[in-house]
N, C-alpha and C. Protein backbone atom coordinates (compact mmCIF):
# COMPACT_ATOMS: atom_id res chain seq x y z
N UNK A 1 -5.51 -0.19 -19.16
CA UNK A 1 -5.86 -1.60 -19.25
C UNK A 1 -6.29 -1.93 -20.68
N UNK A 2 -5.96 -3.13 -21.09
CA UNK A 2 -6.36 -3.54 -22.44
C UNK A 2 -7.14 -4.85 -22.37
N UNK A 3 -7.54 -5.33 -23.52
CA UNK A 3 -8.36 -6.55 -23.59
C UNK A 3 -7.62 -7.75 -23.01
N UNK A 4 -6.32 -7.82 -23.20
CA UNK A 4 -5.55 -8.94 -22.64
C UNK A 4 -5.56 -8.91 -21.12
N UNK A 5 -5.46 -7.73 -20.55
CA UNK A 5 -5.53 -7.61 -19.09
C UNK A 5 -6.89 -8.03 -18.58
N UNK A 6 -7.95 -7.61 -19.27
CA UNK A 6 -9.30 -7.98 -18.87
C UNK A 6 -9.50 -9.49 -18.95
N UNK A 7 -9.03 -10.10 -20.02
CA UNK A 7 -9.17 -11.55 -20.20
C UNK A 7 -8.40 -12.30 -19.12
N UNK A 8 -7.22 -11.82 -18.79
CA UNK A 8 -6.42 -12.48 -17.75
C UNK A 8 -7.09 -12.37 -16.39
N UNK A 9 -7.63 -11.20 -16.08
CA UNK A 9 -8.32 -11.01 -14.80
C UNK A 9 -9.55 -11.90 -14.72
N UNK A 10 -10.29 -12.00 -15.83
CA UNK A 10 -11.48 -12.87 -15.87
C UNK A 10 -11.08 -14.32 -15.64
N UNK A 11 -10.03 -14.77 -16.30
CA UNK A 11 -9.57 -16.15 -16.16
C UNK A 11 -9.17 -16.47 -14.73
N UNK A 12 -8.60 -15.51 -14.03
CA UNK A 12 -8.18 -15.73 -12.65
C UNK A 12 -9.36 -15.81 -11.68
N UNK A 13 -10.44 -15.10 -11.97
CA UNK A 13 -11.57 -15.10 -11.04
C UNK A 13 -12.62 -16.15 -11.38
N UNK A 14 -12.57 -16.75 -12.56
CA UNK A 14 -13.57 -17.74 -12.95
C UNK A 14 -13.67 -18.92 -11.99
N UNK A 15 -12.58 -19.54 -11.59
CA UNK A 15 -12.73 -20.71 -10.70
C UNK A 15 -13.44 -20.37 -9.39
N UNK A 16 -13.12 -19.23 -8.80
CA UNK A 16 -13.79 -18.84 -7.55
C UNK A 16 -15.27 -18.57 -7.78
N UNK A 17 -15.56 -17.87 -8.85
CA UNK A 17 -16.95 -17.52 -9.16
C UNK A 17 -17.78 -18.78 -9.42
N UNK A 18 -17.23 -19.70 -10.19
CA UNK A 18 -17.96 -20.92 -10.54
C UNK A 18 -18.09 -21.83 -9.33
N UNK A 19 -17.05 -21.93 -8.52
CA UNK A 19 -17.10 -22.78 -7.33
C UNK A 19 -18.18 -22.33 -6.36
N UNK A 20 -18.49 -21.04 -6.36
CA UNK A 20 -19.49 -20.50 -5.44
C UNK A 20 -20.92 -20.78 -5.89
N UNK A 21 -21.11 -21.23 -7.13
CA UNK A 21 -22.45 -21.50 -7.66
C UNK A 21 -23.00 -22.82 -7.12
N UNK A 22 -24.28 -22.84 -6.84
CA UNK A 22 -24.93 -24.11 -6.51
C UNK A 22 -25.03 -24.92 -7.80
N UNK A 23 -25.37 -26.19 -7.68
CA UNK A 23 -25.51 -27.03 -8.87
C UNK A 23 -26.57 -26.44 -9.82
N UNK A 24 -27.69 -26.00 -9.27
CA UNK A 24 -28.75 -25.45 -10.12
C UNK A 24 -28.31 -24.13 -10.76
N UNK A 25 -27.62 -23.29 -10.01
CA UNK A 25 -27.12 -22.03 -10.58
C UNK A 25 -26.11 -22.31 -11.69
N UNK A 26 -25.26 -23.29 -11.48
CA UNK A 26 -24.27 -23.67 -12.49
C UNK A 26 -24.98 -24.14 -13.76
N UNK A 27 -25.96 -24.99 -13.61
CA UNK A 27 -26.71 -25.50 -14.75
C UNK A 27 -27.38 -24.33 -15.51
N UNK A 28 -28.02 -23.44 -14.78
CA UNK A 28 -28.71 -22.31 -15.42
C UNK A 28 -27.72 -21.36 -16.09
N UNK A 29 -26.59 -21.11 -15.46
CA UNK A 29 -25.57 -20.24 -16.04
C UNK A 29 -25.06 -20.84 -17.36
N UNK A 30 -24.82 -22.14 -17.36
CA UNK A 30 -24.34 -22.80 -18.58
C UNK A 30 -25.38 -22.72 -19.69
N UNK A 31 -26.62 -23.02 -19.34
CA UNK A 31 -27.68 -23.03 -20.36
C UNK A 31 -27.99 -21.62 -20.88
N UNK A 32 -27.80 -20.60 -20.06
CA UNK A 32 -28.11 -19.25 -20.50
C UNK A 32 -26.95 -18.59 -21.24
N UNK A 33 -25.77 -19.17 -21.16
CA UNK A 33 -24.61 -18.60 -21.84
C UNK A 33 -24.68 -18.97 -23.31
N UNK A 34 -24.67 -17.97 -24.17
CA UNK A 34 -24.80 -18.20 -25.61
C UNK A 34 -23.46 -18.28 -26.32
N UNK A 35 -22.37 -18.23 -25.56
CA UNK A 35 -21.04 -18.31 -26.17
C UNK A 35 -20.81 -19.70 -26.75
N UNK A 36 -19.88 -19.76 -27.67
CA UNK A 36 -19.54 -21.03 -28.30
C UNK A 36 -18.35 -21.66 -27.59
N UNK A 37 -18.10 -22.91 -27.92
CA UNK A 37 -16.93 -23.60 -27.39
C UNK A 37 -15.69 -22.76 -27.68
N UNK A 38 -14.78 -22.74 -26.75
CA UNK A 38 -13.58 -21.92 -26.90
C UNK A 38 -13.67 -20.64 -26.09
N UNK A 39 -14.88 -20.27 -25.68
CA UNK A 39 -15.06 -19.12 -24.81
C UNK A 39 -14.63 -19.54 -23.41
N UNK A 40 -13.77 -18.75 -22.73
CA UNK A 40 -13.27 -19.17 -21.41
C UNK A 40 -14.37 -19.46 -20.40
N UNK A 41 -15.40 -18.64 -20.35
CA UNK A 41 -16.48 -18.87 -19.39
C UNK A 41 -17.24 -20.14 -19.73
N UNK A 42 -17.61 -20.29 -20.98
CA UNK A 42 -18.36 -21.48 -21.40
C UNK A 42 -17.56 -22.75 -21.13
N UNK A 43 -16.29 -22.72 -21.45
CA UNK A 43 -15.43 -23.90 -21.22
C UNK A 43 -15.30 -24.21 -19.73
N UNK A 44 -15.16 -23.17 -18.90
CA UNK A 44 -15.04 -23.37 -17.46
C UNK A 44 -16.33 -23.92 -16.87
N UNK A 45 -17.46 -23.41 -17.35
CA UNK A 45 -18.75 -23.92 -16.88
C UNK A 45 -18.92 -25.39 -17.27
N UNK A 46 -18.58 -25.72 -18.50
CA UNK A 46 -18.70 -27.10 -18.97
C UNK A 46 -17.79 -28.03 -18.16
N UNK A 47 -16.59 -27.58 -17.86
CA UNK A 47 -15.67 -28.40 -17.07
C UNK A 47 -16.21 -28.64 -15.67
N UNK A 48 -16.78 -27.61 -15.06
CA UNK A 48 -17.33 -27.76 -13.71
C UNK A 48 -18.55 -28.68 -13.71
N UNK A 49 -19.37 -28.59 -14.75
CA UNK A 49 -20.50 -29.51 -14.87
C UNK A 49 -20.02 -30.95 -14.89
N UNK A 50 -18.95 -31.19 -15.64
CA UNK A 50 -18.40 -32.55 -15.75
C UNK A 50 -17.82 -32.99 -14.41
N UNK A 51 -17.08 -32.11 -13.74
CA UNK A 51 -16.50 -32.44 -12.44
C UNK A 51 -17.57 -32.83 -11.43
N UNK A 52 -18.66 -32.07 -11.44
CA UNK A 52 -19.75 -32.30 -10.48
C UNK A 52 -20.73 -33.38 -10.95
N UNK A 53 -20.50 -33.93 -12.13
CA UNK A 53 -21.39 -34.94 -12.71
C UNK A 53 -22.84 -34.45 -12.79
N UNK A 54 -23.01 -33.24 -13.30
CA UNK A 54 -24.34 -32.64 -13.44
C UNK A 54 -24.82 -32.84 -14.86
N UNK A 55 -25.98 -33.46 -14.98
CA UNK A 55 -26.61 -33.62 -16.29
C UNK A 55 -27.41 -32.38 -16.63
N UNK A 56 -27.47 -32.10 -17.90
CA UNK A 56 -28.27 -30.96 -18.33
C UNK A 56 -29.68 -31.42 -18.51
């Protein structure tokens, strides 16, 4: 396995993982993530926050 395989597997499981979070868990996960824009997890969390209309 290489980094591309790991990144692809992460991208496939992100929607399920994020969908399972409560609104508060989602907010806390986003705020505790120190990644910058462009990071797949950070971008997915931000998108879900917007979909759910959650204010920080």
